[in-house]
């Protein structure tokens, strides 16, 4: 097993009360929550991004449609995807998960997937 990491942007934060203010105040490394929304009427692969503080949860937005398409199957399979605020200004987050390596290769299997190729350079 190897750790795969990816940077992502939170999208749609303007639709959620105070999301922009919360994102601006998040410290690098702050833990975020990813939630699947399989019944989302706009995107069956939707993944929402939440922040929890003192028992109060606030939706900050979503992963982009293309990234949600990549991450939804992982979340649906019960894979733990850790989301944290990146040390970059704005709604940039780090995603990290464990994945198996292809036999005899150092490159994770998923880098051969056509969808993942769209995100080459973001996944390490």
PDB file of N, CA and C in Angstrom:
ATOM      1  N   UNK A   1       0.843  -1.179   0.000  1.00  0.00           N
ATOM      2  CA  UNK A   1       0.000   0.000   0.000  1.00  0.00           C
ATOM      3  C   UNK A   1       0.890   1.245   0.000  1.00  0.00           C
ATOM      4  N   UNK A   2       0.471   2.225  -0.771  1.00  0.00           N
ATOM      5  CA  UNK A   2       1.164   3.503  -0.797  1.00  0.00           C
ATOM      6  C   UNK A   2       0.151   4.610  -0.527  1.00  0.00           C
ATOM      7  N   UNK A   3       0.654   5.739  -0.111  1.00  0.00           N
ATOM      8  CA  UNK A   3      -0.211   6.887   0.090  1.00  0.00           C
ATOM      9  C   UNK A   3      -0.275   7.694  -1.201  1.00  0.00           C
ATOM     10  N   UNK A   4      -1.482   7.982  -1.629  1.00  0.00           N
ATOM     11  CA  UNK A   4      -1.682   8.862  -2.781  1.00  0.00           C
ATOM     12  C   UNK A   4      -2.170  10.187  -2.235  1.00  0.00           C
ATOM     13  N   UNK A   5      -1.705  11.266  -2.816  1.00  0.00           N
ATOM     14  CA  UNK A   5      -2.137  12.589  -2.376  1.00  0.00           C
ATOM     15  C   UNK A   5      -2.528  13.421  -3.587  1.00  0.00           C
ATOM     16  N   UNK A   6      -3.392  14.372  -3.334  1.00  0.00           N
ATOM     17  CA  UNK A   6      -3.875  15.240  -4.400  1.00  0.00           C
ATOM     18  C   UNK A   6      -4.296  16.572  -3.784  1.00  0.00           C
ATOM     19  N   UNK A   7      -4.070  17.639  -4.497  1.00  0.00           N
ATOM     20  CA  UNK A   7      -4.603  18.943  -4.109  1.00  0.00           C
ATOM     21  C   UNK A   7      -5.911  19.154  -4.852  1.00  0.00           C
ATOM     22  N   UNK A   8      -6.840  19.838  -4.223  1.00  0.00           N
ATOM     23  CA  UNK A   8      -8.142  20.091  -4.834  1.00  0.00           C
ATOM     24  C   UNK A   8      -8.639  21.450  -4.377  1.00  0.00           C
ATOM     25  N   UNK A   9      -9.560  22.000  -5.136  1.00  0.00           N
ATOM     26  CA  UNK A   9     -10.214  23.255  -4.755  1.00  0.00           C
ATOM     27  C   UNK A   9     -11.626  22.961  -4.286  1.00  0.00           C
ATOM     28  N   UNK A  10     -12.044  23.681  -3.269  1.00  0.00           N
ATOM     29  CA  UNK A  10     -13.442  23.633  -2.858  1.00  0.00           C
ATOM     30  C   UNK A  10     -14.198  24.538  -3.816  1.00  0.00           C
ATOM     31  N   UNK A  11     -15.249  24.016  -4.431  1.00  0.00           N
ATOM     32  CA  UNK A  11     -16.043  24.806  -5.370  1.00  0.00           C
ATOM     33  C   UNK A  11     -17.438  25.038  -4.790  1.00  0.00           C
ATOM     34  N   UNK A  12     -18.073  26.113  -5.238  1.00  0.00           N
ATOM     35  CA  UNK A  12     -19.448  26.390  -4.843  1.00  0.00           C
ATOM     36  C   UNK A  12     -19.618  26.961  -3.455  1.00  0.00           C
ATOM     37  N   UNK A  13     -18.553  27.461  -2.855  1.00  0.00           N
ATOM     38  CA  UNK A  13     -18.653  27.958  -1.477  1.00  0.00           C
ATOM     39  C   UNK A  13     -19.571  29.174  -1.351  1.00  0.00           C
ATOM     40  N   UNK A  14     -19.788  29.894  -2.444  1.00  0.00           N
ATOM     41  CA  UNK A  14     -20.669  31.072  -2.376  1.00  0.00           C
ATOM     42  C   UNK A  14     -22.119  30.689  -2.112  1.00  0.00           C
ATOM     43  N   UNK A  15     -22.459  29.422  -2.290  1.00  0.00           N
ATOM     44  CA  UNK A  15     -23.829  28.971  -2.055  1.00  0.00           C
ATOM     45  C   UNK A  15     -24.101  28.630  -0.589  1.00  0.00           C
ATOM     46  N   UNK A  16     -23.072  28.664   0.255  1.00  0.00           N
ATOM     47  CA  UNK A  16     -23.225  28.244   1.644  1.00  0.00           C
ATOM     48  C   UNK A  16     -22.843  29.382   2.596  1.00  0.00           C
ATOM     49  N   UNK A  17     -23.767  29.705   3.491  1.00  0.00           N
ATOM     50  CA  UNK A  17     -23.605  30.822   4.431  1.00  0.00           C
ATOM     51  C   UNK A  17     -22.285  30.716   5.200  1.00  0.00           C
ATOM     52  N   UNK A  18     -21.539  31.785   5.171  1.00  0.00           N
ATOM     53  CA  UNK A  18     -20.269  31.935   5.891  1.00  0.00           C
ATOM     54  C   UNK A  18     -19.149  31.000   5.431  1.00  0.00           C
ATOM     55  N   UNK A  19     -19.381  30.197   4.398  1.00  0.00           N
ATOM     56  CA  UNK A  19     -18.348  29.256   3.952  1.00  0.00           C
ATOM     57  C   UNK A  19     -17.067  29.985   3.556  1.00  0.00           C
ATOM     58  N   UNK A  20     -17.197  31.066   2.800  1.00  0.00           N
ATOM     59  CA  UNK A  20     -16.011  31.814   2.369  1.00  0.00           C
ATOM     60  C   UNK A  20     -15.217  32.358   3.537  1.00  0.00           C
ATOM     61  N   UNK A  21     -15.918  32.878   4.549  1.00  0.00           N
ATOM     62  CA  UNK A  21     -15.239  33.397   5.743  1.00  0.00           C
ATOM     63  C   UNK A  21     -14.533  32.288   6.513  1.00  0.00           C
ATOM     64  N   UNK A  22     -15.188  31.143   6.620  1.00  0.00           N
ATOM     65  CA  UNK A  22     -14.581  30.016   7.339  1.00  0.00           C
ATOM     66  C   UNK A  22     -13.354  29.518   6.584  1.00  0.00           C
ATOM     67  N   UNK A  23     -13.470  29.361   5.277  1.00  0.00           N
ATOM     68  CA  UNK A  23     -12.334  28.898   4.478  1.00  0.00           C
ATOM     69  C   UNK A  23     -11.145  29.841   4.648  1.00  0.00           C
ATOM     70  N   UNK A  24     -11.405  31.142   4.637  1.00  0.00           N
ATOM     71  CA  UNK A  24     -10.329  32.136   4.771  1.00  0.00           C
ATOM     72  C   UNK A  24      -9.630  32.040   6.126  1.00  0.00           C
ATOM     73  N   UNK A  25     -10.345  31.561   7.142  1.00  0.00           N
ATOM     74  CA  UNK A  25      -9.768  31.495   8.497  1.00  0.00           C
ATOM     75  C   UNK A  25      -9.218  30.128   8.869  1.00  0.00           C
ATOM     76  N   UNK A  26      -9.397  29.130   8.014  1.00  0.00           N
ATOM     77  CA  UNK A  26      -8.883  27.793   8.332  1.00  0.00           C
ATOM     78  C   UNK A  26      -7.363  27.797   8.362  1.00  0.00           C
ATOM     79  N   UNK A  27      -6.823  27.143   9.348  1.00  0.00           N
ATOM     80  CA  UNK A  27      -5.367  27.005   9.441  1.00  0.00           C
ATOM     81  C   UNK A  27      -4.917  25.819   8.595  1.00  0.00           C
ATOM     82  N   UNK A  28      -3.727  25.900   8.029  1.00  0.00           N
ATOM     83  CA  UNK A  28      -3.209  24.748   7.286  1.00  0.00           C
ATOM     84  C   UNK A  28      -3.235  23.502   8.166  1.00  0.00           C
ATOM     85  N   UNK A  29      -3.699  22.410   7.594  1.00  0.00           N
ATOM     86  CA  UNK A  29      -3.778  21.156   8.332  1.00  0.00           C
ATOM     87  C   UNK A  29      -5.116  20.921   9.013  1.00  0.00           C
ATOM     88  N   UNK A  30      -6.000  21.939   9.002  1.00  0.00           N
ATOM     89  CA  UNK A  30      -7.313  21.762   9.634  1.00  0.00           C
ATOM     90  C   UNK A  30      -8.035  20.600   8.958  1.00  0.00           C
ATOM     91  N   UNK A  31      -8.601  19.714   9.767  1.00  0.00           N
ATOM     92  CA  UNK A  31      -9.300  18.536   9.221  1.00  0.00           C
ATOM     93  C   UNK A  31     -10.655  18.933   8.666  1.00  0.00           C
ATOM     94  N   UNK A  32     -10.961  18.372   7.517  1.00  0.00           N
ATOM     95  CA  UNK A  32     -12.240  18.599   6.859  1.00  0.00           C
ATOM     96  C   UNK A  32     -12.933  17.255   6.678  1.00  0.00           C
ATOM     97  N   UNK A  33     -14.213  17.296   6.418  1.00  0.00           N
ATOM     98  CA  UNK A  33     -15.013  16.090   6.257  1.00  0.00           C
ATOM     99  C   UNK A  33     -15.511  16.028   4.822  1.00  0.00           C
ATOM    100  N   UNK A  34     -15.353  14.869   4.192  1.00  0.00           N
ATOM    101  CA  UNK A  34     -15.900  14.642   2.856  1.00  0.00           C
ATOM    102  C   UNK A  34     -17.136  13.771   3.000  1.00  0.00           C
ATOM    103  N   UNK A  35     -18.218  14.153   2.335  1.00  0.00           N
ATOM    104  CA  UNK A  35     -19.456  13.375   2.380  1.00  0.00           C
ATOM    105  C   UNK A  35     -19.958  13.127   0.976  1.00  0.00           C
ATOM    106  N   UNK A  36     -20.291  11.886   0.728  1.00  0.00           N
ATOM    107  CA  UNK A  36     -20.899  11.538  -0.558  1.00  0.00           C
ATOM    108  C   UNK A  36     -22.342  11.998  -0.576  1.00  0.00           C
ATOM    109  N   UNK A  37     -22.789  12.458  -1.738  1.00  0.00           N
ATOM    110  CA  UNK A  37     -24.176  12.857  -1.950  1.00  0.00           C
ATOM    111  C   UNK A  37     -24.705  12.116  -3.179  1.00  0.00           C
ATOM    112  N   UNK A  38     -24.923  10.800  -3.067  1.00  0.00           N
ATOM    113  CA  UNK A  38     -25.338  10.020  -4.241  1.00  0.00           C
ATOM    114  C   UNK A  38     -26.706  10.430  -4.777  1.00  0.00           C
ATOM    115  N   UNK A  39     -27.504  11.107  -3.969  1.00  0.00           N
ATOM    116  CA  UNK A  39     -28.831  11.540  -4.414  1.00  0.00           C
ATOM    117  C   UNK A  39     -28.862  13.005  -4.847  1.00  0.00           C
ATOM    118  N   UNK A  40     -27.684  13.608  -5.014  1.00  0.00           N
ATOM    119  CA  UNK A  40     -27.606  14.991  -5.468  1.00  0.00           C
ATOM    120  C   UNK A  40     -28.211  15.077  -6.873  1.00  0.00           C
ATOM    121  N   UNK A  41     -29.189  15.961  -7.059  1.00  0.00           N
ATOM    122  CA  UNK A  41     -29.893  16.013  -8.344  1.00  0.00           C
ATOM    123  C   UNK A  41     -29.042  16.570  -9.489  1.00  0.00           C
ATOM    124  N   UNK A  42     -27.925  17.222  -9.167  1.00  0.00           N
ATOM    125  CA  UNK A  42     -27.071  17.797 -10.209  1.00  0.00           C
ATOM    126  C   UNK A  42     -25.893  16.898 -10.590  1.00  0.00           C
ATOM    127  N   UNK A  43     -25.466  16.037  -9.655  1.00  0.00           N
ATOM    128  CA  UNK A  43     -24.302  15.192  -9.899  1.00  0.00           C
ATOM    129  C   UNK A  43     -24.373  13.966  -8.997  1.00  0.00           C
ATOM    130  N   UNK A  44     -24.572  12.787  -9.597  1.00  0.00           N
ATOM    131  CA  UNK A  44     -24.696  11.561  -8.795  1.00  0.00           C
ATOM    132  C   UNK A  44     -23.386  11.191  -8.095  1.00  0.00           C
ATOM    133  N   UNK A  45     -22.263  11.786  -8.519  1.00  0.00           N
ATOM    134  CA  UNK A  45     -20.963  11.538  -7.879  1.00  0.00           C
ATOM    135  C   UNK A  45     -20.588  12.628  -6.871  1.00  0.00           C
ATOM    136  N   UNK A  46     -21.502  13.527  -6.563  1.00  0.00           N
ATOM    137  CA  UNK A  46     -21.190  14.693  -5.724  1.00  0.00           C
ATOM    138  C   UNK A  46     -20.530  14.294  -4.403  1.00  0.00           C
ATOM    139  N   UNK A  47     -19.518  15.091  -4.039  1.00  0.00           N
ATOM    140  CA  UNK A  47     -18.828  14.942  -2.757  1.00  0.00           C
ATOM    141  C   UNK A  47     -18.787  16.332  -2.125  1.00  0.00           C
ATOM    142  N   UNK A  48     -19.433  16.467  -0.974  1.00  0.00           N
ATOM    143  CA  UNK A  48     -19.443  17.757  -0.292  1.00  0.00           C
ATOM    144  C   UNK A  48     -18.288  17.840   0.701  1.00  0.00           C
ATOM    145  N   UNK A  49     -17.876  19.066   1.005  1.00  0.00           N
ATOM    146  CA  UNK A  49     -16.772  19.335   1.921  1.00  0.00           C
ATOM    147  C   UNK A  49     -17.341  20.098   3.111  1.00  0.00           C
ATOM    148  N   UNK A  50     -17.060  19.601   4.315  1.00  0.00           N
ATOM    149  CA  UNK A  50     -17.598  20.173   5.548  1.00  0.00           C
ATOM    150  C   UNK A  50     -16.477  20.465   6.528  1.00  0.00           C
ATOM    151  N   UNK A  51     -16.736  21.417   7.440  1.00  0.00           N
ATOM    152  CA  UNK A  51     -15.829  21.720   8.546  1.00  0.00           C
ATOM    153  C   UNK A  51     -16.635  21.613   9.831  1.00  0.00           C
ATOM    154  N   UNK A  52     -16.045  20.970  10.828  1.00  0.00           N
ATOM    155  CA  UNK A  52     -16.714  20.810  12.114  1.00  0.00           C
ATOM    156  C   UNK A  52     -15.896  21.499  13.197  1.00  0.00           C
ATOM    157  N   UNK A  53     -16.586  22.309  14.001  1.00  0.00           N
ATOM    158  CA  UNK A  53     -15.931  23.008  15.104  1.00  0.00           C
ATOM    159  C   UNK A  53     -16.893  23.044  16.286  1.00  0.00           C
ATOM    160  N   UNK A  54     -16.464  22.531  17.408  1.00  0.00           N
ATOM    161  CA  UNK A  54     -17.281  22.498  18.627  1.00  0.00           C
ATOM    162  C   UNK A  54     -18.655  21.867  18.385  1.00  0.00           C
ATOM    163  N   UNK A  55     -18.676  20.814  17.597  1.00  0.00           N
ATOM    164  CA  UNK A  55     -19.924  20.103  17.335  1.00  0.00           C
ATOM    165  C   UNK A  55     -20.813  20.726  16.282  1.00  0.00           C
ATOM    166  N   UNK A  56     -20.434  21.882  15.761  1.00  0.00           N
ATOM    167  CA  UNK A  56     -21.211  22.526  14.689  1.00  0.00           C
ATOM    168  C   UNK A  56     -20.540  22.238  13.354  1.00  0.00           C
ATOM    169  N   UNK A  57     -21.329  21.735  12.422  1.00  0.00           N
ATOM    170  CA  UNK A  57     -20.794  21.455  11.092  1.00  0.00           C
ATOM    171  C   UNK A  57     -21.307  22.483  10.099  1.00  0.00           C
ATOM    172  N   UNK A  58     -20.408  22.923   9.227  1.00  0.00           N
ATOM    173  CA  UNK A  58     -20.746  23.892   8.195  1.00  0.00           C
ATOM    174  C   UNK A  58     -20.290  23.350   6.852  1.00  0.00           C
ATOM    175  N   UNK A  59     -21.189  23.367   5.870  1.00  0.00           N
ATOM    176  CA  UNK A  59     -20.789  22.948   4.539  1.00  0.00           C
ATOM    177  C   UNK A  59     -20.008  24.075   3.885  1.00  0.00           C
ATOM    178  N   UNK A  60     -18.836  23.724   3.353  1.00  0.00           N
ATOM    179  CA  UNK A  60     -17.972  24.705   2.712  1.00  0.00           C
ATOM    180  C   UNK A  60     -18.129  24.707   1.199  1.00  0.00           C
ATOM    181  N   UNK A  61     -18.656  23.640   0.640  1.00  0.00           N
ATOM    182  CA  UNK A  61     -18.814  23.527  -0.805  1.00  0.00           C
ATOM    183  C   UNK A  61     -18.727  22.082  -1.228  1.00  0.00           C
ATOM    184  N   UNK A  62     -18.186  21.856  -2.432  1.00  0.00           N
ATOM    185  CA  UNK A  62     -18.068  20.524  -3.009  1.00  0.00           C
ATOM    186  C   UNK A  62     -16.704  20.363  -3.674  1.00  0.00           C
ATOM    187  N   UNK A  63     -16.363  19.120  -3.988  1.00  0.00           N
ATOM    188  CA  UNK A  63     -15.252  18.871  -4.897  1.00  0.00           C
ATOM    189  C   UNK A  63     -15.782  19.131  -6.299  1.00  0.00           C
ATOM    190  N   UNK A  64     -14.917  19.503  -7.215  1.00  0.00           N
ATOM    191  CA  UNK A  64     -15.337  19.732  -8.596  1.00  0.00           C
ATOM    192  C   UNK A  64     -15.939  18.457  -9.172  1.00  0.00           C
ATOM    193  N   UNK A  65     -16.747  18.613 -10.199  1.00  0.00           N
ATOM    194  CA  UNK A  65     -17.442  17.462 -10.808  1.00  0.00           C
ATOM    195  C   UNK A  65     -16.461  16.367 -11.244  1.00  0.00           C
ATOM    196  N   UNK A  66     -15.390  16.742 -11.927  1.00  0.00           N
ATOM    197  CA  UNK A  66     -14.416  15.750 -12.391  1.00  0.00           C
ATOM    198  C   UNK A  66     -13.710  15.046 -11.256  1.00  0.00           C
ATOM    199  N   UNK A  67     -13.338  15.788 -10.234  1.00  0.00           N
ATOM    200  CA  UNK A  67     -12.664  15.187  -9.088  1.00  0.00           C
ATOM    201  C   UNK A  67     -13.634  14.315  -8.297  1.00  0.00           C
ATOM    202  N   UNK A  68     -14.881  14.746  -8.186  1.00  0.00           N
ATOM    203  CA  UNK A  68     -15.891  13.931  -7.501  1.00  0.00           C
ATOM    204  C   UNK A  68     -16.066  12.598  -8.221  1.00  0.00           C
ATOM    205  N   UNK A  69     -15.991  12.619  -9.549  1.00  0.00           N
ATOM    206  CA  UNK A  69     -16.106  11.385 -10.332  1.00  0.00           C
ATOM    207  C   UNK A  69     -14.969  10.422  -9.989  1.00  0.00           C
ATOM    208  N   UNK A  70     -13.799  10.960  -9.697  1.00  0.00           N
ATOM    209  CA  UNK A  70     -12.650  10.148  -9.316  1.00  0.00           C
ATOM    210  C   UNK A  70     -12.761   9.658  -7.873  1.00  0.00           C
ATOM    211  N   UNK A  71     -13.218  10.517  -6.966  1.00  0.00           N
ATOM    212  CA  UNK A  71     -13.229  10.192  -5.546  1.00  0.00           C
ATOM    213  C   UNK A  71     -14.463   9.427  -5.082  1.00  0.00           C
ATOM    214  N   UNK A  72     -15.598   9.592  -5.750  1.00  0.00           N
ATOM    215  CA  UNK A  72     -16.847   8.940  -5.322  1.00  0.00           C
ATOM    216  C   UNK A  72     -16.704   7.429  -5.174  1.00  0.00           C
ATOM    217  N   UNK A  73     -16.130   6.729  -6.152  1.00  0.00           N
ATOM    218  CA  UNK A  73     -16.009   5.275  -5.983  1.00  0.00           C
ATOM    219  C   UNK A  73     -15.148   4.885  -4.780  1.00  0.00           C
ATOM    220  N   UNK A  74     -14.133   5.667  -4.487  1.00  0.00           N
ATOM    221  CA  UNK A  74     -13.284   5.389  -3.331  1.00  0.00           C
ATOM    222  C   UNK A  74     -14.099   5.532  -2.046  1.00  0.00           C
ATOM    223  N   UNK A  75     -14.837   6.624  -1.934  1.00  0.00           N
ATOM    224  CA  UNK A  75     -15.653   6.854  -0.745  1.00  0.00           C
ATOM    225  C   UNK A  75     -16.769   5.819  -0.641  1.00  0.00           C
ATOM    226  N   UNK A  76     -17.382   5.473  -1.762  1.00  0.00           N
ATOM    227  CA  UNK A  76     -18.451   4.477  -1.770  1.00  0.00           C
ATOM    228  C   UNK A  76     -17.938   3.104  -1.333  1.00  0.00           C
ATOM    229  N   UNK A  77     -16.687   2.817  -1.628  1.00  0.00           N
ATOM    230  CA  UNK A  77     -16.086   1.540  -1.252  1.00  0.00           C
ATOM    231  C   UNK A  77     -15.619   1.534   0.205  1.00  0.00           C
ATOM    232  N   UNK A  78     -15.811   2.653   0.899  1.00  0.00           N
ATOM    233  CA  UNK A  78     -15.430   2.733   2.306  1.00  0.00           C
ATOM    234  C   UNK A  78     -13.988   3.117   2.538  1.00  0.00           C
ATOM    235  N   UNK A  79     -13.295   3.526   1.491  1.00  0.00           N
ATOM    236  CA  UNK A  79     -11.904   3.950   1.626  1.00  0.00           C
ATOM    237  C   UNK A  79     -11.851   5.261   2.398  1.00  0.00           C
ATOM    238  N   UNK A  80     -10.941   5.345   3.348  1.00  0.00           N
ATOM    239  CA  UNK A  80     -10.793   6.586   4.105  1.00  0.00           C
ATOM    240  C   UNK A  80      -9.973   7.576   3.278  1.00  0.00           C
ATOM    241  N   UNK A  81     -10.584   8.701   2.970  1.00  0.00           N
ATOM    242  CA  UNK A  81      -9.900   9.776   2.267  1.00  0.00           C
ATOM    243  C   UNK A  81      -9.793  10.930   3.266  1.00  0.00           C
ATOM    244  N   UNK A  82      -8.570  11.275   3.612  1.00  0.00           N
ATOM    245  CA  UNK A  82      -8.330  12.339   4.591  1.00  0.00           C
ATOM    246  C   UNK A  82      -8.246  13.660   3.851  1.00  0.00           C
ATOM    247  N   UNK A  83      -9.019  14.634   4.320  1.00  0.00           N
ATOM    248  CA  UNK A  83      -9.031  15.969   3.708  1.00  0.00           C
ATOM    249  C   UNK A  83      -8.567  16.974   4.758  1.00  0.00           C
ATOM    250  N   UNK A  84      -7.597  17.799   4.372  1.00  0.00           N
ATOM    251  CA  UNK A  84      -7.095  18.851   5.251  1.00  0.00           C
ATOM    252  C   UNK A  84      -6.887  20.129   4.448  1.00  0.00           C
ATOM    253  N   UNK A  85      -6.917  21.262   5.138  1.00  0.00           N
ATOM    254  CA  UNK A  85      -6.672  22.552   4.497  1.00  0.00           C
ATOM    255  C   UNK A  85      -5.206  22.622   4.094  1.00  0.00           C
ATOM    256  N   UNK A  86      -4.968  22.966   2.848  1.00  0.00           N
ATOM    257  CA  UNK A  86      -3.596  23.118   2.349  1.00  0.00           C
ATOM    258  C   UNK A  86      -3.028  24.465   2.806  1.00  0.00           C
ATOM    259  N   UNK A  87      -1.699  24.572   2.891  1.00  0.00           N
ATOM    260  CA  UNK A  87      -1.079  25.839   3.293  1.00  0.00           C
ATOM    261  C   UNK A  87      -1.005  26.833   2.140  1.00  0.00           C
ATOM    262  N   UNK A  88      -2.105  26.980   1.437  1.00  0.00           N
ATOM    263  CA  UNK A  88      -2.213  27.888   0.294  1.00  0.00           C
ATOM    264  C   UNK A  88      -3.443  28.754   0.535  1.00  0.00           C
ATOM    265  N   UNK A  89      -3.370  30.026   0.204  1.00  0.00           N
ATOM    266  CA  UNK A  89      -4.519  30.923   0.391  1.00  0.00           C
ATOM    267  C   UNK A  89      -5.682  30.450  -0.475  1.00  0.00           C
ATOM    268  N   UNK A  90      -6.868  30.519   0.070  1.00  0.00           N
ATOM    269  CA  UNK A  90      -8.069  30.133  -0.672  1.00  0.00           C
ATOM    270  C   UNK A  90      -8.565  28.762  -0.279  1.00  0.00           C
ATOM    271  N   UNK A  91      -9.455  28.241  -1.093  1.00  0.00           N
ATOM    272  CA  UNK A  91     -10.110  26.972  -0.796  1.00  0.00           C
ATOM    273  C   UNK A  91      -9.377  25.759  -1.312  1.00  0.00           C
ATOM    274  N   UNK A  92      -8.058  25.728  -1.157  1.00  0.00           N
ATOM    275  CA  UNK A  92      -7.280  24.585  -1.612  1.00  0.00           C
ATOM    276  C   UNK A  92      -7.138  23.607  -0.454  1.00  0.00           C
ATOM    277  N   UNK A  93      -7.412  22.335  -0.757  1.00  0.00           N
ATOM    278  CA  UNK A  93      -7.309  21.305   0.272  1.00  0.00           C
ATOM    279  C   UNK A  93      -6.406  20.182  -0.218  1.00  0.00           C
ATOM    280  N   UNK A  94      -5.886  19.422   0.728  1.00  0.00           N
ATOM    281  CA  UNK A  94      -5.102  18.232   0.429  1.00  0.00           C
ATOM    282  C   UNK A  94      -5.989  17.015   0.653  1.00  0.00           C
ATOM    283  N   UNK A  95      -5.938  16.055  -0.254  1.00  0.00           N
ATOM    284  CA  UNK A  95      -6.625  14.784  -0.096  1.00  0.00           C
ATOM    285  C   UNK A  95      -5.562  13.703  -0.030  1.00  0.00           C
ATOM    286  N   UNK A  96      -5.766  12.716   0.840  1.00  0.00           N
ATOM    287  CA  UNK A  96      -4.796  11.636   0.985  1.00  0.00           C
ATOM    288  C   UNK A  96      -5.544  10.326   1.233  1.00  0.00           C
ATOM    289  N   UNK A  97      -5.091   9.252   0.570  1.00  0.00           N
ATOM    290  CA  UNK A  97      -5.691   7.942   0.761  1.00  0.00           C
ATOM    291  C   UNK A  97      -4.653   6.878   0.472  1.00  0.00           C
ATOM    292  N   UNK A  98      -4.935   5.666   0.946  1.00  0.00           N
ATOM    293  CA  UNK A  98      -4.068   4.513   0.704  1.00  0.00           C
ATOM    294  C   UNK A  98      -4.535   3.808  -0.557  1.00  0.00           C
ATOM    295  N   UNK A  99      -3.598   3.337  -1.357  1.00  0.00           N
ATOM    296  CA  UNK A  99      -3.963   2.541  -2.521  1.00  0.00           C
ATOM    297  C   UNK A  99      -2.892   1.501  -2.780  1.00  0.00           C
ATOM    298  N   UNK A 100      -3.300   0.435  -3.434  1.00  0.00           N
ATOM    299  CA  UNK A 100      -2.384  -0.655  -3.744  1.00  0.00           C
ATOM    300  C   UNK A 100      -1.552  -0.309  -4.966  1.00  0.00           C
ATOM    301  N   UNK A 101      -0.321  -0.819  -4.968  1.00  0.00           N
ATOM    302  CA  UNK A 101       0.548  -0.650  -6.134  1.00  0.00           C
ATOM    303  C   UNK A 101       0.315  -1.809  -7.089  1.00  0.00           C
ATOM    304  N   UNK A 102       0.470  -1.563  -8.376  1.00  0.00           N
ATOM    305  CA  UNK A 102       0.380  -2.641  -9.361  1.00  0.00           C
ATOM    306  C   UNK A 102       1.586  -3.556  -9.183  1.00  0.00           C
ATOM    307  N   UNK A 103       1.412  -4.864  -9.344  1.00  0.00           N
ATOM    308  CA  UNK A 103       2.546  -5.790  -9.180  1.00  0.00           C
ATOM    309  C   UNK A 103       3.713  -5.412 -10.091  1.00  0.00           C
ATOM    310  N   UNK A 104       4.908  -5.320  -9.507  1.00  0.00           N
ATOM    311  CA  UNK A 104       6.101  -5.024 -10.284  1.00  0.00           C
ATOM    312  C   UNK A 104       6.253  -3.571 -10.691  1.00  0.00           C
ATOM    313  N   UNK A 105       5.354  -2.696 -10.244  1.00  0.00           N
ATOM    314  CA  UNK A 105       5.418  -1.279 -10.610  1.00  0.00           C
ATOM    315  C   UNK A 105       5.465  -0.421  -9.359  1.00  0.00           C
ATOM    316  N   UNK A 106       6.085   0.732  -9.475  1.00  0.00           N
ATOM    317  CA  UNK A 106       6.076   1.684  -8.381  1.00  0.00           C
ATOM    318  C   UNK A 106       4.946   2.687  -8.546  1.00  0.00           C
ATOM    319  N   UNK A 107       4.384   2.766  -9.742  1.00  0.00           N
ATOM    320  CA  UNK A 107       3.307   3.715 -10.030  1.00  0.00           C
ATOM    321  C   UNK A 107       1.988   3.129  -9.540  1.00  0.00           C
ATOM    322  N   UNK A 108       1.168   3.869  -8.792  1.00  0.00           N
ATOM    323  CA  UNK A 108      -0.129   3.350  -8.359  1.00  0.00           C
ATOM    324  C   UNK A 108      -0.971   2.937  -9.564  1.00  0.00           C
ATOM    325  N   UNK A 109      -1.756   1.870  -9.410  1.00  0.00           N
ATOM    326  CA  UNK A 109      -2.588   1.352 -10.491  1.00  0.00           C
ATOM    327  C   UNK A 109      -3.457   2.429 -11.092  1.00  0.00           C
ATOM    328  N   UNK A 110      -4.008   3.289 -10.287  1.00  0.00           N
ATOM    329  CA  UNK A 110      -4.989   4.238 -10.778  1.00  0.00           C
ATOM    330  C   UNK A 110      -4.412   5.287 -11.710  1.00  0.00           C
ATOM    331  N   UNK A 111      -3.092   5.443 -11.761  1.00  0.00           N
ATOM    332  CA  UNK A 111      -2.545   6.426 -12.683  1.00  0.00           C
ATOM    333  C   UNK A 111      -2.727   5.986 -14.123  1.00  0.00           C
ATOM    334  N   UNK A 112      -3.075   4.705 -14.350  1.00  0.00           N
ATOM    335  CA  UNK A 112      -3.345   4.222 -15.699  1.00  0.00           C
ATOM    336  C   UNK A 112      -4.792   4.482 -16.107  1.00  0.00           C
ATOM    337  N   UNK A 113      -5.612   4.855 -15.171  1.00  0.00           N
ATOM    338  CA  UNK A 113      -7.020   5.113 -15.442  1.00  0.00           C
ATOM    339  C   UNK A 113      -7.166   6.425 -16.213  1.00  0.00           C
ATOM    340  N   UNK A 114      -8.015   6.444 -17.219  1.00  0.00           N
ATOM    341  CA  UNK A 114      -8.187   7.641 -18.057  1.00  0.00           C
ATOM    342  C   UNK A 114      -8.631   8.848 -17.244  1.00  0.00           C
ATOM    343  N   UNK A 115      -9.492   8.634 -16.267  1.00  0.00           N
ATOM    344  CA  UNK A 115      -9.961   9.745 -15.448  1.00  0.00           C
ATOM    345  C   UNK A 115      -8.818  10.335 -14.633  1.00  0.00           C
ATOM    346  N   UNK A 116      -7.988   9.472 -14.067  1.00  0.00           N
ATOM    347  CA  UNK A 116      -6.869   9.943 -13.255  1.00  0.00           C
ATOM    348  C   UNK A 116      -5.870  10.718 -14.096  1.00  0.00           C
ATOM    349  N   UNK A 117      -5.716  10.345 -15.382  1.00  0.00           N
ATOM    350  CA  UNK A 117      -4.777  11.055 -16.249  1.00  0.00           C
ATOM    351  C   UNK A 117      -5.127  12.529 -16.369  1.00  0.00           C
ATOM    352  N   UNK A 118      -6.408  12.866 -16.215  1.00  0.00           N
ATOM    353  CA  UNK A 118      -6.807  14.277 -16.260  1.00  0.00           C
ATOM    354  C   UNK A 118      -6.211  15.051 -15.098  1.00  0.00           C
ATOM    355  N   UNK A 119      -5.884  14.326 -14.025  1.00  0.00           N
ATOM    356  CA  UNK A 119      -5.376  14.982 -12.828  1.00  0.00           C
ATOM    357  C   UNK A 119      -3.892  14.731 -12.626  1.00  0.00           C
ATOM    358  N   UNK A 120      -3.207  14.231 -13.668  1.00  0.00           N
ATOM    359  CA  UNK A 120      -1.769  13.968 -13.565  1.00  0.00           C
ATOM    360  C   UNK A 120      -1.068  15.260 -13.149  1.00  0.00           C
ATOM    361  N   UNK A 121      -0.126  15.125 -12.270  1.00  0.00           N
ATOM    362  CA  UNK A 121       0.569  16.287 -11.745  1.00  0.00           C
ATOM    363  C   UNK A 121      -0.009  16.723 -10.414  1.00  0.00           C
ATOM    364  N   UNK A 122      -1.256  16.372 -10.156  1.00  0.00           N
ATOM    365  CA  UNK A 122      -1.866  16.673  -8.865  1.00  0.00           C
ATOM    366  C   UNK A 122      -1.750  15.491  -7.926  1.00  0.00           C
ATOM    367  N   UNK A 123      -1.668  14.272  -8.503  1.00  0.00           N
ATOM    368  CA  UNK A 123      -1.552  13.065  -7.689  1.00  0.00           C
ATOM    369  C   UNK A 123      -0.085  12.711  -7.560  1.00  0.00           C
ATOM    370  N   UNK A 124       0.333  12.422  -6.325  1.00  0.00           N
ATOM    371  CA  UNK A 124       1.715  11.965  -6.103  1.00  0.00           C
ATOM    372  C   UNK A 124       1.692  10.638  -5.403  1.00  0.00           C
TER     373      UNK A 124
END
